[in-house]
Amino acid sequence: MNLRGHTNTVTCVSLLSAEESKNLGAALSGIVGEERGPRLAFSSSSDCCLKLWNLENGSALRSIYTFNPVTAHCYLPAQQYCVVGSEGGKLEIYSFLEENTHALFSIKTFENSVSYIKVVV
């Protein structure tokens, strides 16, 4: 299986756990109580895109254009948000559940590229 869809270097990939995949899949489909759904993954790229993938069939379920090359991301399963770091030093929060794909939150925090994101709860 190939995950094709980015048009530039892939900078980060996150494989969701079976439980995280099930919960996000149910939220996306509106169907709650399924035994299991496909495993899901996020990828980000220098092409300014954040993508959500179905790993069973390799299809891109959602794609968000961030307007900045994405250098790092981190999934927040409790909120079903993805925190994105950009080449330009921005931190942004996106949701694949929203019709509007604009950032829910955006702040220019650093002068240089964000290389890693870790959320501690």
C-alpha atoms as a PDB file:
ATOM      1  CA  MET A   1       0.000   0.000   0.000  1.00  0.00           C
ATOM      2  CA  ASN A   2       1.167   3.516  -0.781  1.00  0.00           C
ATOM      3  CA  LEU A   3       0.019   6.754   0.750  1.00  0.00           C
ATOM      4  CA  ARG A   4       0.163   9.144  -2.157  1.00  0.00           C
ATOM      5  CA  GLY A   5      -1.003  12.714  -2.117  1.00  0.00           C
ATOM      6  CA  HIS A   6       1.694  15.034  -0.820  1.00  0.00           C
ATOM      7  CA  THR A   7       3.543  17.022  -3.464  1.00  0.00           C
ATOM      8  CA  ASN A   8       6.683  17.742  -1.437  1.00  0.00           C
ATOM      9  CA  THR A   9       8.772  16.234   1.371  1.00  0.00           C
ATOM     10  CA  VAL A  10       6.789  14.512   4.127  1.00  0.00           C
ATOM     11  CA  THR A  11       8.071  15.952   7.399  1.00  0.00           C
ATOM     12  CA  CYS A  12       6.083  14.065  10.033  1.00  0.00           C
ATOM     13  CA  VAL A  13       3.848  10.977  10.324  1.00  0.00           C
ATOM     14  CA  SER A  14       1.759   9.938  13.332  1.00  0.00           C
ATOM     15  CA  LEU A  15       0.060   6.554  13.579  1.00  0.00           C
ATOM     16  CA  LEU A  16      -3.026   6.714  15.783  1.00  0.00           C
ATOM     17  CA  SER A  17      -3.691   3.878  18.223  1.00  0.00           C
ATOM     18  CA  ALA A  18      -6.600   1.533  17.516  1.00  0.00           C
ATOM     19  CA  GLU A  19      -8.668   3.342  20.163  1.00  0.00           C
ATOM     20  CA  GLU A  20      -7.778   6.827  18.835  1.00  0.00           C
ATOM     21  CA  SER A  21      -8.577   5.667  15.292  1.00  0.00           C
ATOM     22  CA  LYS A  22     -11.925   4.252  16.384  1.00  0.00           C
ATOM     23  CA  ASN A  23     -12.891   7.452  18.245  1.00  0.00           C
ATOM     24  CA  LEU A  24     -11.845   9.840  15.478  1.00  0.00           C
ATOM     25  CA  GLY A  25     -13.411   7.623  12.795  1.00  0.00           C
ATOM     26  CA  ALA A  26     -16.692   7.582  14.719  1.00  0.00           C
ATOM     27  CA  ALA A  27     -16.608  11.377  15.103  1.00  0.00           C
ATOM     28  CA  LEU A  28     -15.957  11.808  11.374  1.00  0.00           C
ATOM     29  CA  SER A  29     -18.640   9.359  10.258  1.00  0.00           C
ATOM     30  CA  GLY A  30     -21.206  10.066  12.956  1.00  0.00           C
ATOM     31  CA  ILE A  31     -21.480   6.317  13.622  1.00  0.00           C
ATOM     32  CA  VAL A  32     -20.801   5.493  17.267  1.00  0.00           C
ATOM     33  CA  GLY A  33     -20.433   2.018  18.722  1.00  0.00           C
ATOM     34  CA  GLU A  34     -18.616   0.270  15.891  1.00  0.00           C
ATOM     35  CA  GLU A  35     -16.410  -2.538  17.138  1.00  0.00           C
ATOM     36  CA  ARG A  36     -13.453  -1.237  15.220  1.00  0.00           C
ATOM     37  CA  GLY A  37     -12.692   1.026  12.336  1.00  0.00           C
ATOM     38  CA  PRO A  38      -9.656   1.345  10.101  1.00  0.00           C
ATOM     39  CA  ARG A  39      -6.369   2.461  11.620  1.00  0.00           C
ATOM     40  CA  LEU A  40      -5.749   6.126  10.890  1.00  0.00           C
ATOM     41  CA  ALA A  41      -2.605   8.217  10.503  1.00  0.00           C
ATOM     42  CA  PHE A  42      -1.731  11.882  10.091  1.00  0.00           C
ATOM     43  CA  SER A  43       1.001  13.155   7.803  1.00  0.00           C
ATOM     44  CA  SER A  44       2.362  16.633   7.249  1.00  0.00           C
ATOM     45  CA  SER A  45       4.560  18.031   4.539  1.00  0.00           C
ATOM     46  CA  SER A  46       6.532  20.905   3.104  1.00  0.00           C
ATOM     47  CA  ASP A  47       3.637  21.196   0.615  1.00  0.00           C
ATOM     48  CA  CYS A  48       1.695  23.038   3.381  1.00  0.00           C
ATOM     49  CA  CYS A  49      -0.736  20.139   3.853  1.00  0.00           C
ATOM     50  CA  LEU A  50      -1.848  18.113   6.831  1.00  0.00           C
ATOM     51  CA  LYS A  51      -3.560  14.856   5.801  1.00  0.00           C
ATOM     52  CA  LEU A  52      -5.586  12.168   7.554  1.00  0.00           C
ATOM     53  CA  TRP A  53      -5.220   8.672   6.086  1.00  0.00           C
ATOM     54  CA  ASN A  54      -7.160   5.409   6.200  1.00  0.00           C
ATOM     55  CA  LEU A  55      -4.371   2.827   6.528  1.00  0.00           C
ATOM     56  CA  GLU A  56      -6.546  -0.106   5.443  1.00  0.00           C
ATOM     57  CA  ASN A  57      -6.980   1.141   1.902  1.00  0.00           C
ATOM     58  CA  GLY A  58      -4.447   3.999   1.647  1.00  0.00           C
ATOM     59  CA  SER A  59      -7.043   6.685   0.974  1.00  0.00           C
ATOM     60  CA  ALA A  60      -6.741  10.274   2.157  1.00  0.00           C
ATOM     61  CA  LEU A  61      -9.831  10.983   4.274  1.00  0.00           C
ATOM     62  CA  ARG A  62      -9.186  14.676   4.792  1.00  0.00           C
ATOM     63  CA  SER A  63      -6.639  17.271   3.748  1.00  0.00           C
ATOM     64  CA  ILE A  64      -6.068  20.707   5.234  1.00  0.00           C
ATOM     65  CA  TYR A  65      -4.009  23.384   3.502  1.00  0.00           C
ATOM     66  CA  THR A  66      -2.146  25.345   6.204  1.00  0.00           C
ATOM     67  CA  PHE A  67      -0.585  28.128   4.060  1.00  0.00           C
ATOM     68  CA  ASN A  68       2.853  27.346   5.582  1.00  0.00           C
ATOM     69  CA  PRO A  69       5.228  24.396   5.118  1.00  0.00           C
ATOM     70  CA  VAL A  70       4.478  22.032   8.026  1.00  0.00           C
ATOM     71  CA  THR A  71       7.562  20.832   9.900  1.00  0.00           C
ATOM     72  CA  ALA A  72       5.982  19.030  12.880  1.00  0.00           C
ATOM     73  CA  HIS A  73       2.622  17.990  14.268  1.00  0.00           C
ATOM     74  CA  CYS A  74       1.107  16.360  17.332  1.00  0.00           C
ATOM     75  CA  TYR A  75      -2.351  14.793  17.740  1.00  0.00           C
ATOM     76  CA  LEU A  76      -4.455  15.617  20.815  1.00  0.00           C
ATOM     77  CA  PRO A  77      -6.851  12.653  21.073  1.00  0.00           C
ATOM     78  CA  ALA A  78      -9.052  14.034  23.881  1.00  0.00           C
ATOM     79  CA  GLN A  79      -9.912  17.122  21.809  1.00  0.00           C
ATOM     80  CA  GLN A  80      -9.426  15.457  18.397  1.00  0.00           C
ATOM     81  CA  TYR A  81      -7.212  18.375  17.362  1.00  0.00           C
ATOM     82  CA  CYS A  82      -3.896  18.423  15.592  1.00  0.00           C
ATOM     83  CA  VAL A  83      -1.246  20.937  16.683  1.00  0.00           C
ATOM     84  CA  VAL A  84       0.955  21.975  13.762  1.00  0.00           C
ATOM     85  CA  GLY A  85       4.358  23.655  13.740  1.00  0.00           C
ATOM     86  CA  SER A  86       5.491  25.523  10.646  1.00  0.00           C
ATOM     87  CA  GLU A  87       8.686  26.458   8.883  1.00  0.00           C
ATOM     88  CA  GLY A  88       7.904  30.090   9.716  1.00  0.00           C
ATOM     89  CA  GLY A  89       7.755  29.494  13.486  1.00  0.00           C
ATOM     90  CA  LYS A  90       3.979  29.310  13.867  1.00  0.00           C
ATOM     91  CA  LEU A  91       1.996  26.985  16.111  1.00  0.00           C
ATOM     92  CA  GLU A  92      -1.554  26.316  14.909  1.00  0.00           C
ATOM     93  CA  ILE A  93      -4.426  24.057  15.928  1.00  0.00           C
ATOM     94  CA  TYR A  94      -6.648  22.327  13.371  1.00  0.00           C
ATOM     95  CA  SER A  95      -9.667  20.055  13.567  1.00  0.00           C
ATOM     96  CA  PHE A  96     -10.677  17.588  10.864  1.00  0.00           C
ATOM     97  CA  LEU A  97     -14.198  17.638  12.316  1.00  0.00           C
ATOM     98  CA  GLU A  98     -14.876  21.252  11.341  1.00  0.00           C
ATOM     99  CA  GLU A  99     -16.367  22.168   7.965  1.00  0.00           C
ATOM    100  CA  ASN A 100     -14.133  25.228   7.969  1.00  0.00           C
ATOM    101  CA  THR A 101     -10.510  24.102   7.610  1.00  0.00           C
ATOM    102  CA  HIS A 102      -8.966  27.351   8.891  1.00  0.00           C
ATOM    103  CA  ALA A 103      -6.808  27.183  11.995  1.00  0.00           C
ATOM    104  CA  LEU A 104      -8.772  27.234  15.248  1.00  0.00           C
ATOM    105  CA  PHE A 105      -5.797  28.944  16.871  1.00  0.00           C
ATOM    106  CA  SER A 106      -2.630  30.448  15.423  1.00  0.00           C
ATOM    107  CA  ILE A 107       0.361  32.184  16.976  1.00  0.00           C
ATOM    108  CA  LYS A 108       3.800  33.108  15.665  1.00  0.00           C
ATOM    109  CA  THR A 109       5.950  31.952  18.529  1.00  0.00           C
ATOM    110  CA  PHE A 110       9.415  31.357  17.137  1.00  0.00           C
ATOM    111  CA  GLU A 111      11.799  33.061  14.733  1.00  0.00           C
ATOM    112  CA  ASN A 112      12.832  29.770  13.129  1.00  0.00           C
ATOM    113  CA  SER A 113      11.190  26.526  12.098  1.00  0.00           C
ATOM    114  CA  VAL A 114       9.360  24.380  14.677  1.00  0.00           C
ATOM    115  CA  SER A 115      11.157  21.024  14.703  1.00  0.00           C
ATOM    116  CA  TYR A 116       9.200  19.077  17.315  1.00  0.00           C
ATOM    117  CA  ILE A 117       5.944  19.319  19.272  1.00  0.00           C
ATOM    118  CA  LYS A 118       5.087  17.447  22.442  1.00  0.00           C
ATOM    119  CA  VAL A 119       1.977  18.175  24.469  1.00  0.00           C
ATOM    120  CA  VAL A 120       2.169  17.227  28.152  1.00  0.00           C
ATOM    121  CA  VAL A 121      -1.137  16.796  29.973  1.00  0.00           C
END
